[in-house]
């Protein structure tokens, strides 16, 4: 008497599980989730700086007597890649002139284009946002470190003075710098 076979044998199941494991490892190795997360954080940093640069530009063109704060602020830690070796740490994200960007955005006609100042996605001693302004020249600079290999060239080719990117991604002479200061060397 012959029985109908239903289901899979143990060997067949082990082969399928093995194939799935190999494919999963290949996908994880190819996609590199850590690098994808770093790219996502860097994209946020770049978007935050573009938004902040636009807000400062609006402030400079709209306000009759604009005042750019000259205190070098950093959102976390003390290293900031600006002219001084150490910045003043500020955890204030208000837009009324008391935040880490000490510009009163509320004096813009129609109100501030920002609800709050941006915060670095990691915001620790190695990855943070920094600001410096020159009130006399009406220039400013924003700095941050980028952590992904995809965006690393942005720190070298941004036109700023902190572009010696060798070795570690948290190299103390390697920052993404934007602003309107010629040479980005505040």
N, C-alpha and C. Protein backbone atom coordinates (compact mmCIF):
# COMPACT_ATOMS: atom_id res chain seq x y z
N UNK A 1 0.83 -1.16 0.00
CA UNK A 1 0.00 0.00 0.00
C UNK A 1 0.89 1.25 0.00
N UNK A 2 0.68 2.14 -0.93
CA UNK A 2 1.49 3.34 -1.10
C UNK A 2 0.75 4.52 -0.48
N UNK A 3 1.55 5.30 0.36
CA UNK A 3 0.94 6.47 1.02
C UNK A 3 1.22 7.73 0.21
N UNK A 4 0.26 8.63 0.22
CA UNK A 4 0.49 9.93 -0.42
C UNK A 4 1.43 10.74 0.45
N UNK A 5 2.46 11.33 -0.20
CA UNK A 5 3.39 12.18 0.54
C UNK A 5 2.78 13.57 0.66
N UNK A 6 2.75 14.06 1.87
CA UNK A 6 2.29 15.41 2.13
C UNK A 6 3.32 16.10 3.00
N UNK A 7 3.63 17.34 2.67
CA UNK A 7 4.61 18.10 3.45
C UNK A 7 6.01 17.95 2.89
N UNK A 8 6.96 18.44 3.67
CA UNK A 8 8.36 18.44 3.25
C UNK A 8 9.16 17.58 4.20
N UNK A 9 10.23 17.05 3.69
CA UNK A 9 11.13 16.27 4.55
C UNK A 9 12.03 17.25 5.30
N UNK A 10 12.66 16.78 6.32
CA UNK A 10 13.57 17.60 7.13
C UNK A 10 14.73 18.11 6.28
N UNK A 11 15.23 17.30 5.39
CA UNK A 11 16.34 17.71 4.52
C UNK A 11 15.91 18.86 3.61
N UNK A 12 14.72 18.76 3.04
CA UNK A 12 14.23 19.83 2.17
C UNK A 12 14.07 21.14 2.95
N UNK A 13 13.55 21.07 4.15
CA UNK A 13 13.40 22.26 4.98
C UNK A 13 14.75 22.87 5.32
N UNK A 14 15.73 22.05 5.67
CA UNK A 14 17.06 22.56 6.00
C UNK A 14 17.73 23.22 4.80
N UNK A 15 17.53 22.69 3.61
CA UNK A 15 18.08 23.28 2.39
C UNK A 15 17.46 24.65 2.14
N UNK A 16 16.16 24.75 2.27
CA UNK A 16 15.47 26.04 2.07
C UNK A 16 15.92 27.06 3.11
N UNK A 17 16.01 26.64 4.36
CA UNK A 17 16.46 27.55 5.42
C UNK A 17 17.89 28.02 5.15
N UNK A 18 18.75 27.13 4.69
CA UNK A 18 20.12 27.48 4.35
C UNK A 18 20.18 28.50 3.22
N UNK A 19 19.37 28.30 2.19
CA UNK A 19 19.33 29.24 1.07
C UNK A 19 18.84 30.61 1.54
N UNK A 20 17.82 30.64 2.35
CA UNK A 20 17.30 31.91 2.88
C UNK A 20 18.36 32.61 3.71
N UNK A 21 19.10 31.87 4.53
CA UNK A 21 20.15 32.46 5.35
C UNK A 21 21.25 33.07 4.49
N UNK A 22 21.65 32.38 3.43
CA UNK A 22 22.69 32.90 2.54
C UNK A 22 22.21 34.17 1.83
N UNK A 23 20.99 34.16 1.34
CA UNK A 23 20.44 35.34 0.68
C UNK A 23 20.30 36.52 1.64
N UNK A 24 19.87 36.24 2.87
CA UNK A 24 19.74 37.31 3.87
C UNK A 24 21.09 37.93 4.19
N UNK A 25 22.10 37.09 4.36
CA UNK A 25 23.45 37.61 4.63
C UNK A 25 23.96 38.45 3.48
N UNK A 26 23.68 38.02 2.25
CA UNK A 26 24.12 38.78 1.07
C UNK A 26 23.42 40.14 1.01
N UNK A 27 22.13 40.17 1.32
CA UNK A 27 21.38 41.42 1.30
C UNK A 27 21.89 42.36 2.39
N UNK A 28 22.11 41.86 3.59
CA UNK A 28 22.60 42.70 4.68
C UNK A 28 23.99 43.23 4.35
N UNK A 29 24.85 42.38 3.79
CA UNK A 29 26.20 42.81 3.44
C UNK A 29 26.16 43.87 2.34
N UNK A 30 25.27 43.70 1.37
CA UNK A 30 25.18 44.63 0.26
C UNK A 30 24.58 45.96 0.70
N UNK A 31 23.53 45.93 1.49
CA UNK A 31 22.84 47.16 1.88
C UNK A 31 23.54 47.91 3.00
N UNK A 32 24.26 47.23 3.88
CA UNK A 32 24.98 47.83 5.00
C UNK A 32 24.08 48.80 5.78
N UNK A 33 23.26 48.27 6.66
CA UNK A 33 22.31 49.11 7.39
C UNK A 33 22.96 50.25 8.18
N UNK A 34 24.15 50.04 8.71
CA UNK A 34 24.81 51.11 9.46
C UNK A 34 25.12 52.30 8.55
N UNK A 35 25.60 52.02 7.34
CA UNK A 35 25.90 53.09 6.39
C UNK A 35 24.61 53.78 5.93
N UNK A 36 23.54 53.02 5.75
CA UNK A 36 22.26 53.62 5.35
C UNK A 36 21.74 54.56 6.44
N UNK A 37 21.88 54.16 7.70
CA UNK A 37 21.46 55.04 8.80
C UNK A 37 22.33 56.29 8.85
N UNK A 38 23.64 56.14 8.64
CA UNK A 38 24.55 57.29 8.62
C UNK A 38 24.18 58.24 7.47
N UNK A 39 23.86 57.69 6.31
CA UNK A 39 23.44 58.51 5.16
C UNK A 39 22.15 59.27 5.48
N UNK A 40 21.25 58.61 6.17
CA UNK A 40 19.99 59.25 6.54
C UNK A 40 20.24 60.42 7.50
N UNK A 41 21.10 60.21 8.49
CA UNK A 41 21.43 61.30 9.43
C UNK A 41 22.13 62.44 8.71
N UNK A 42 23.04 62.11 7.78
CA UNK A 42 23.73 63.16 7.02
C UNK A 42 22.76 63.94 6.14
N UNK A 43 21.81 63.25 5.53
CA UNK A 43 20.80 63.95 4.72
C UNK A 43 20.01 64.93 5.58
N UNK A 44 19.71 64.53 6.81
CA UNK A 44 19.02 65.43 7.74
C UNK A 44 19.89 66.64 8.08
N UNK A 45 21.18 66.41 8.32
CA UNK A 45 22.10 67.51 8.64
C UNK A 45 22.16 68.50 7.48
N UNK A 46 22.30 67.99 6.27
CA UNK A 46 22.41 68.85 5.09
C UNK A 46 21.11 69.64 4.90
N UNK A 47 19.97 69.00 5.06
CA UNK A 47 18.68 69.67 4.93
C UNK A 47 18.51 70.73 6.03
N UNK A 48 18.90 70.41 7.26
CA UNK A 48 18.81 71.38 8.36
C UNK A 48 19.65 72.61 8.05
N UNK A 49 20.87 72.42 7.55
CA UNK A 49 21.74 73.55 7.25
C UNK A 49 21.22 74.38 6.09
N UNK A 50 20.65 73.74 5.08
CA UNK A 50 20.06 74.49 3.98
C UNK A 50 18.89 75.36 4.47
N UNK A 51 18.06 74.78 5.33
CA UNK A 51 16.94 75.52 5.90
C UNK A 51 17.42 76.68 6.76
N UNK A 52 18.42 76.41 7.59
CA UNK A 52 18.94 77.44 8.48
C UNK A 52 19.64 78.55 7.69
N UNK A 53 20.40 78.19 6.67
CA UNK A 53 21.05 79.20 5.82
C UNK A 53 20.00 80.08 5.15
N UNK A 54 18.92 79.48 4.68
CA UNK A 54 17.84 80.26 4.06
C UNK A 54 17.20 81.21 5.07
N UNK A 55 16.98 80.72 6.28
CA UNK A 55 16.37 81.57 7.32
C UNK A 55 17.28 82.75 7.66
N UNK A 56 18.58 82.51 7.76
CA UNK A 56 19.52 83.60 8.06
C UNK A 56 19.57 84.59 6.90
N UNK A 57 19.52 84.09 5.69
CA UNK A 57 19.52 84.97 4.51
C UNK A 57 18.27 85.83 4.49
N UNK A 58 17.13 85.25 4.80
CA UNK A 58 15.88 86.02 4.89
C UNK A 58 16.02 87.09 5.97
N UNK A 59 16.57 86.72 7.11
CA UNK A 59 16.78 87.66 8.21
C UNK A 59 17.66 88.83 7.75
N UNK A 60 18.78 88.52 7.07
CA UNK A 60 19.70 89.57 6.64
C UNK A 60 19.08 90.51 5.62
N UNK A 61 18.19 90.01 4.77
CA UNK A 61 17.57 90.86 3.75
C UNK A 61 16.33 91.59 4.25
N UNK A 62 15.66 91.04 5.26
CA UNK A 62 14.39 91.61 5.72
C UNK A 62 14.55 92.62 6.85
N UNK A 63 15.44 92.36 7.77
CA UNK A 63 15.57 93.21 8.96
C UNK A 63 16.42 94.43 8.62
N UNK A 64 15.97 95.61 9.02
CA UNK A 64 16.66 96.86 8.70
C UNK A 64 18.07 96.91 9.28
N UNK A 65 18.23 96.57 10.53
CA UNK A 65 19.55 96.57 11.18
C UNK A 65 19.80 95.18 11.77
N UNK A 66 20.16 94.21 10.92
CA UNK A 66 20.35 92.84 11.43
C UNK A 66 21.56 92.74 12.35
N UNK A 67 21.42 91.88 13.34
CA UNK A 67 22.51 91.64 14.28
C UNK A 67 22.83 90.15 14.26
N UNK A 68 24.05 89.83 13.84
CA UNK A 68 24.51 88.44 13.86
C UNK A 68 25.31 88.22 15.13
N UNK A 69 24.88 87.26 15.92
CA UNK A 69 25.62 86.95 17.13
C UNK A 69 27.02 86.48 16.82
N UNK A 70 27.98 86.86 17.66
CA UNK A 70 29.37 86.52 17.41
C UNK A 70 29.91 85.46 18.37
N UNK A 71 29.07 84.96 19.26
CA UNK A 71 29.51 83.88 20.14
C UNK A 71 29.49 82.58 19.35
N UNK A 72 30.57 81.82 19.44
CA UNK A 72 30.63 80.54 18.75
C UNK A 72 29.89 79.50 19.60
N UNK A 73 28.76 79.05 19.08
CA UNK A 73 27.94 78.09 19.81
C UNK A 73 27.99 76.72 19.16
N UNK A 74 27.88 75.70 19.97
CA UNK A 74 27.79 74.33 19.51
C UNK A 74 26.65 73.68 20.29
N UNK A 75 25.90 72.76 19.66
CA UNK A 75 24.73 72.19 20.31
C UNK A 75 25.06 71.08 21.30
N UNK A 76 26.27 70.53 21.24
CA UNK A 76 26.67 69.47 22.15
C UNK A 76 28.18 69.36 22.12
N UNK A 77 28.79 69.01 23.23
CA UNK A 77 30.25 68.91 23.26
C UNK A 77 30.87 70.29 23.22
N UNK A 78 32.15 70.37 22.86
CA UNK A 78 32.82 71.66 22.80
C UNK A 78 33.54 71.89 21.48
N UNK A 79 33.94 70.84 20.77
CA UNK A 79 34.63 71.00 19.49
C UNK A 79 33.62 71.41 18.43
N UNK A 80 34.00 72.43 17.60
CA UNK A 80 33.01 72.93 16.65
C UNK A 80 33.58 73.22 15.27
N UNK A 81 34.90 73.18 15.09
CA UNK A 81 35.48 73.43 13.79
C UNK A 81 35.47 74.89 13.39
N UNK A 82 35.20 75.77 14.32
CA UNK A 82 35.22 77.19 14.02
C UNK A 82 36.57 77.76 14.45
N UNK A 83 36.74 79.06 14.38
CA UNK A 83 38.04 79.68 14.64
C UNK A 83 38.66 79.34 15.97
N UNK A 84 37.87 79.27 17.01
CA UNK A 84 38.40 78.91 18.32
C UNK A 84 38.37 77.40 18.46
N UNK A 85 39.25 76.90 19.30
CA UNK A 85 39.31 75.45 19.53
C UNK A 85 38.07 74.98 20.28
N UNK A 86 37.45 75.86 21.06
CA UNK A 86 36.32 75.47 21.90
C UNK A 86 35.18 76.44 21.67
N UNK A 87 33.99 75.90 21.58
CA UNK A 87 32.78 76.72 21.45
C UNK A 87 31.99 76.65 22.75
N UNK A 88 31.08 77.59 22.91
CA UNK A 88 30.17 77.57 24.05
C UNK A 88 29.03 76.61 23.73
N UNK A 89 28.77 75.68 24.64
CA UNK A 89 27.69 74.72 24.43
C UNK A 89 26.36 75.38 24.77
N UNK A 90 25.39 75.19 23.89
CA UNK A 90 24.04 75.71 24.11
C UNK A 90 23.03 74.63 23.78
N UNK A 91 22.10 74.42 24.66
CA UNK A 91 21.01 73.48 24.41
C UNK A 91 19.69 74.23 24.20
N UNK A 92 19.81 75.52 23.88
CA UNK A 92 18.65 76.36 23.64
C UNK A 92 18.35 76.35 22.13
N UNK A 93 17.14 75.94 21.78
CA UNK A 93 16.75 75.83 20.37
C UNK A 93 15.69 76.86 20.00
N UNK A 94 15.57 77.92 20.78
CA UNK A 94 14.59 78.96 20.49
C UNK A 94 15.09 79.86 19.37
N UNK A 95 14.16 80.52 18.70
CA UNK A 95 14.50 81.37 17.55
C UNK A 95 14.43 82.86 17.89
N UNK A 96 14.39 83.18 19.17
CA UNK A 96 14.24 84.57 19.61
C UNK A 96 15.56 85.26 19.91
N UNK A 97 16.67 84.69 19.47
CA UNK A 97 17.98 85.29 19.71
C UNK A 97 18.72 84.66 20.88
N UNK A 98 18.06 83.80 21.62
CA UNK A 98 18.70 83.15 22.77
C UNK A 98 19.19 81.75 22.48
N UNK A 99 18.95 81.26 21.26
CA UNK A 99 19.32 79.89 20.92
C UNK A 99 20.78 79.75 20.50
N UNK A 100 21.14 78.54 20.08
CA UNK A 100 22.53 78.30 19.69
C UNK A 100 22.91 79.07 18.44
N UNK A 101 21.94 79.51 17.66
CA UNK A 101 22.17 80.53 16.63
C UNK A 101 21.57 81.79 17.22
N UNK A 102 22.46 82.68 17.69
CA UNK A 102 21.96 83.85 18.44
C UNK A 102 21.54 84.98 17.51
N UNK A 103 20.51 84.66 16.73
CA UNK A 103 19.85 85.61 15.82
C UNK A 103 18.37 85.63 16.19
N UNK A 104 17.80 86.82 16.25
CA UNK A 104 16.38 86.94 16.59
C UNK A 104 15.54 86.84 15.31
N UNK A 105 15.19 85.60 14.97
CA UNK A 105 14.41 85.36 13.75
C UNK A 105 12.98 85.89 13.88
N UNK A 106 12.51 86.13 15.10
CA UNK A 106 11.15 86.64 15.28
C UNK A 106 11.01 88.08 14.81
N UNK A 107 12.14 88.78 14.56
CA UNK A 107 12.07 90.15 14.07
C UNK A 107 11.87 90.22 12.56
N UNK A 108 11.80 89.08 11.89
CA UNK A 108 11.52 89.05 10.45
C UNK A 108 10.05 89.40 10.23
N UNK A 109 9.80 90.20 9.20
CA UNK A 109 8.43 90.55 8.87
C UNK A 109 7.63 89.27 8.62
N UNK A 110 6.54 89.13 9.32
CA UNK A 110 5.72 87.92 9.18
C UNK A 110 6.14 86.82 10.16
N UNK A 111 7.15 87.06 10.93
CA UNK A 111 7.57 86.07 11.94
C UNK A 111 8.68 85.16 11.46
N UNK A 112 9.14 84.35 12.35
CA UNK A 112 10.26 83.45 12.08
C UNK A 112 9.89 82.37 11.07
N UNK A 113 10.77 82.10 10.11
CA UNK A 113 10.52 80.99 9.19
C UNK A 113 10.77 79.63 9.84
N UNK A 114 11.32 79.64 11.05
CA UNK A 114 11.62 78.41 11.79
C UNK A 114 10.79 78.37 13.07
N UNK A 115 10.25 77.22 13.40
CA UNK A 115 9.56 77.07 14.68
C UNK A 115 10.58 76.95 15.80
N UNK A 116 11.61 76.16 15.57
CA UNK A 116 12.74 76.02 16.50
C UNK A 116 14.01 75.83 15.69
N UNK A 117 15.13 76.01 16.33
CA UNK A 117 16.41 75.76 15.66
C UNK A 117 16.60 74.26 15.54
N UNK A 118 17.23 73.81 14.46
CA UNK A 118 17.41 72.37 14.29
C UNK A 118 18.41 71.79 15.29
N UNK A 119 18.30 70.50 15.50
CA UNK A 119 19.19 69.75 16.39
C UNK A 119 19.80 68.61 15.59
N UNK A 120 21.10 68.39 15.76
CA UNK A 120 21.77 67.29 15.07
C UNK A 120 21.09 65.97 15.42
N UNK A 121 20.92 65.05 14.45
CA UNK A 121 20.25 63.78 14.72
C UNK A 121 20.93 62.95 15.81
N UNK A 122 22.25 63.06 15.92
CA UNK A 122 22.97 62.34 16.96
C UNK A 122 23.21 63.23 18.17
N UNK A 123 23.65 64.45 17.92
CA UNK A 123 23.89 65.49 18.92
C UNK A 123 24.70 64.99 20.11
N UNK A 124 25.94 64.61 19.82
CA UNK A 124 26.86 64.24 20.90
C UNK A 124 28.17 64.99 20.68
N UNK A 125 29.21 64.62 21.41
CA UNK A 125 30.47 65.34 21.31
C UNK A 125 31.08 65.25 19.91
N UNK A 126 30.83 64.19 19.16
CA UNK A 126 31.41 64.03 17.84
C UNK A 126 30.56 64.60 16.72
N UNK A 127 29.26 64.55 16.87
CA UNK A 127 28.34 65.02 15.83
C UNK A 127 27.39 66.04 16.44
N UNK A 128 27.53 67.30 15.99
CA UNK A 128 26.72 68.38 16.53
C UNK A 128 26.66 69.50 15.50
N UNK A 129 25.92 70.55 15.81
CA UNK A 129 25.83 71.72 14.95
C UNK A 129 26.56 72.87 15.63
N UNK A 130 27.24 73.69 14.83
CA UNK A 130 27.94 74.85 15.37
C UNK A 130 27.65 76.08 14.52
N UNK A 131 27.70 77.24 15.17
CA UNK A 131 27.41 78.52 14.50
C UNK A 131 28.41 79.57 14.96
N UNK A 132 28.80 80.43 14.04
CA UNK A 132 29.56 81.64 14.37
C UNK A 132 29.14 82.73 13.39
N UNK A 133 29.12 83.94 13.86
CA UNK A 133 28.77 85.07 13.01
C UNK A 133 29.77 86.20 13.16
N UNK A 134 29.83 87.05 12.16
CA UNK A 134 30.64 88.26 12.21
C UNK A 134 29.68 89.41 11.97
N UNK A 135 29.32 90.12 13.05
CA UNK A 135 28.31 91.16 12.97
C UNK A 135 28.77 92.33 12.11
N UNK A 136 30.04 92.65 12.14
CA UNK A 136 30.56 93.77 11.35
C UNK A 136 30.42 93.50 9.86
N UNK A 137 30.87 92.32 9.44
CA UNK A 137 30.82 91.96 8.01
C UNK A 137 29.47 91.37 7.60
N UNK A 138 28.61 91.07 8.58
CA UNK A 138 27.31 90.43 8.34
C UNK A 138 27.48 89.08 7.65
N UNK A 139 28.45 88.31 8.11
CA UNK A 139 28.70 86.97 7.57
C UNK A 139 28.51 85.94 8.68
N UNK A 140 28.28 84.70 8.28
CA UNK A 140 28.07 83.63 9.23
C UNK A 140 28.59 82.32 8.68
N UNK A 141 28.76 81.36 9.57
CA UNK A 141 29.19 80.02 9.19
C UNK A 141 28.49 79.00 10.08
N UNK A 142 28.08 77.90 9.46
CA UNK A 142 27.48 76.76 10.16
C UNK A 142 28.36 75.55 9.91
N UNK A 143 28.63 74.77 10.94
CA UNK A 143 29.50 73.60 10.81
C UNK A 143 28.86 72.36 11.40
N UNK A 144 29.18 71.22 10.80
CA UNK A 144 28.78 69.92 11.32
C UNK A 144 29.68 68.87 10.71
N UNK A 145 29.83 67.76 11.39
CA UNK A 145 30.54 66.62 10.81
C UNK A 145 29.52 65.72 10.14
N UNK A 146 29.92 65.15 9.00
CA UNK A 146 29.10 64.17 8.32
C UNK A 146 29.74 62.81 8.56
N UNK A 147 28.92 61.78 8.69
CA UNK A 147 29.47 60.48 9.08
C UNK A 147 29.46 59.40 8.02
N UNK A 148 28.74 59.56 6.95
CA UNK A 148 28.65 58.49 5.95
C UNK A 148 29.75 58.62 4.90
N UNK A 149 30.12 57.51 4.32
CA UNK A 149 31.12 57.55 3.25
C UNK A 149 30.56 58.24 2.01
N UNK A 150 29.27 58.14 1.80
CA UNK A 150 28.63 58.78 0.64
C UNK A 150 28.80 60.30 0.67
N UNK A 151 28.69 60.91 1.84
CA UNK A 151 28.71 62.37 1.96
C UNK A 151 30.06 62.92 2.42
N UNK A 152 31.05 62.07 2.60
CA UNK A 152 32.35 62.51 3.11
C UNK A 152 32.99 63.59 2.24
N UNK A 153 32.85 63.50 0.91
CA UNK A 153 33.44 64.50 0.02
C UNK A 153 32.86 65.89 0.23
N UNK A 154 31.65 65.98 0.73
CA UNK A 154 31.05 67.29 0.98
C UNK A 154 31.86 68.07 2.01
N UNK A 155 32.52 67.38 2.94
CA UNK A 155 33.33 68.06 3.95
C UNK A 155 34.64 68.56 3.34
N UNK A 156 35.13 67.88 2.33
CA UNK A 156 36.39 68.26 1.69
C UNK A 156 36.17 69.37 0.67
N UNK A 157 35.06 69.32 -0.05
CA UNK A 157 34.82 70.22 -1.18
C UNK A 157 33.78 71.30 -0.93
N UNK A 158 33.60 71.70 0.33
CA UNK A 158 32.58 72.70 0.64
C UNK A 158 33.09 74.13 0.58
N UNK A 159 34.39 74.32 0.32
CA UNK A 159 34.96 75.66 0.23
C UNK A 159 35.41 76.21 1.56
N UNK A 160 35.27 75.43 2.63
CA UNK A 160 35.66 75.90 3.95
C UNK A 160 37.11 75.58 4.27
N UNK A 161 37.53 76.02 5.45
CA UNK A 161 38.91 75.83 5.86
C UNK A 161 39.15 74.57 6.68
N UNK A 162 38.11 73.92 7.15
CA UNK A 162 38.25 72.69 7.94
C UNK A 162 37.94 71.49 7.04
N UNK A 163 38.86 71.18 6.13
CA UNK A 163 38.58 70.14 5.14
C UNK A 163 39.70 69.11 5.04
N UNK A 164 40.51 68.99 6.08
CA UNK A 164 41.57 67.99 6.08
C UNK A 164 41.00 66.71 6.66
N UNK A 165 40.34 65.94 5.83
CA UNK A 165 39.65 64.74 6.28
C UNK A 165 40.54 63.52 6.07
N UNK A 166 41.21 63.12 7.10
CA UNK A 166 42.05 61.93 7.04
C UNK A 166 41.65 60.99 8.16
N UNK A 167 41.62 59.74 7.87
CA UNK A 167 41.33 58.75 8.92
C UNK A 167 39.90 58.79 9.38
N UNK A 168 39.72 59.01 10.65
CA UNK A 168 38.43 58.90 11.32
C UNK A 168 37.41 59.91 10.79
N UNK A 169 36.15 59.52 10.82
CA UNK A 169 35.08 60.42 10.42
C UNK A 169 34.87 61.52 11.45
N UNK A 170 35.43 61.36 12.61
CA UNK A 170 35.31 62.40 13.62
C UNK A 170 36.64 63.13 13.75
N UNK A 171 37.38 63.19 12.65
CA UNK A 171 38.63 63.93 12.59
C UNK A 171 38.35 65.37 13.00
N UNK A 172 39.15 65.93 13.88
CA UNK A 172 38.89 67.25 14.43
C UNK A 172 39.16 68.39 13.44
N UNK A 173 39.65 68.09 12.25
CA UNK A 173 39.87 69.14 11.26
C UNK A 173 38.99 68.92 10.04
N UNK A 174 37.91 68.22 10.20
CA UNK A 174 37.06 67.86 9.06
C UNK A 174 35.60 68.18 9.38
N UNK A 175 35.06 69.23 8.75
CA UNK A 175 33.69 69.65 9.00
C UNK A 175 33.00 70.00 7.69
N UNK A 176 31.69 69.83 7.67
CA UNK A 176 30.85 70.34 6.59
C UNK A 176 30.54 71.77 6.98
N UNK A 177 30.91 72.72 6.13
CA UNK A 177 30.78 74.13 6.44
C UNK A 177 29.96 74.82 5.36
N UNK A 178 28.97 75.59 5.77
CA UNK A 178 28.22 76.43 4.83
C UNK A 178 28.00 77.78 5.48
N UNK A 179 27.66 78.74 4.68
CA UNK A 179 27.40 80.10 5.16
C UNK A 179 27.69 81.09 4.06
N UNK A 180 27.78 82.37 4.44
CA UNK A 180 28.09 83.41 3.46
C UNK A 180 29.45 84.05 3.71
N UNK A 181 30.20 83.52 4.67
CA UNK A 181 31.53 84.05 4.94
C UNK A 181 32.50 83.61 3.85
N UNK A 182 33.22 84.54 3.22
CA UNK A 182 34.20 84.15 2.19
C UNK A 182 35.27 83.24 2.82
N UNK A 183 35.47 82.10 2.23
CA UNK A 183 36.45 81.16 2.75
C UNK A 183 35.94 80.31 3.89
N UNK A 184 34.75 80.61 4.39
CA UNK A 184 34.16 79.88 5.51
C UNK A 184 35.21 79.61 6.59
N UNK A 185 35.84 80.69 7.06
CA UNK A 185 36.92 80.54 8.03
C UNK A 185 36.71 81.35 9.30
N UNK A 186 35.47 81.47 9.72
CA UNK A 186 35.20 82.19 10.98
C UNK A 186 35.72 81.39 12.17
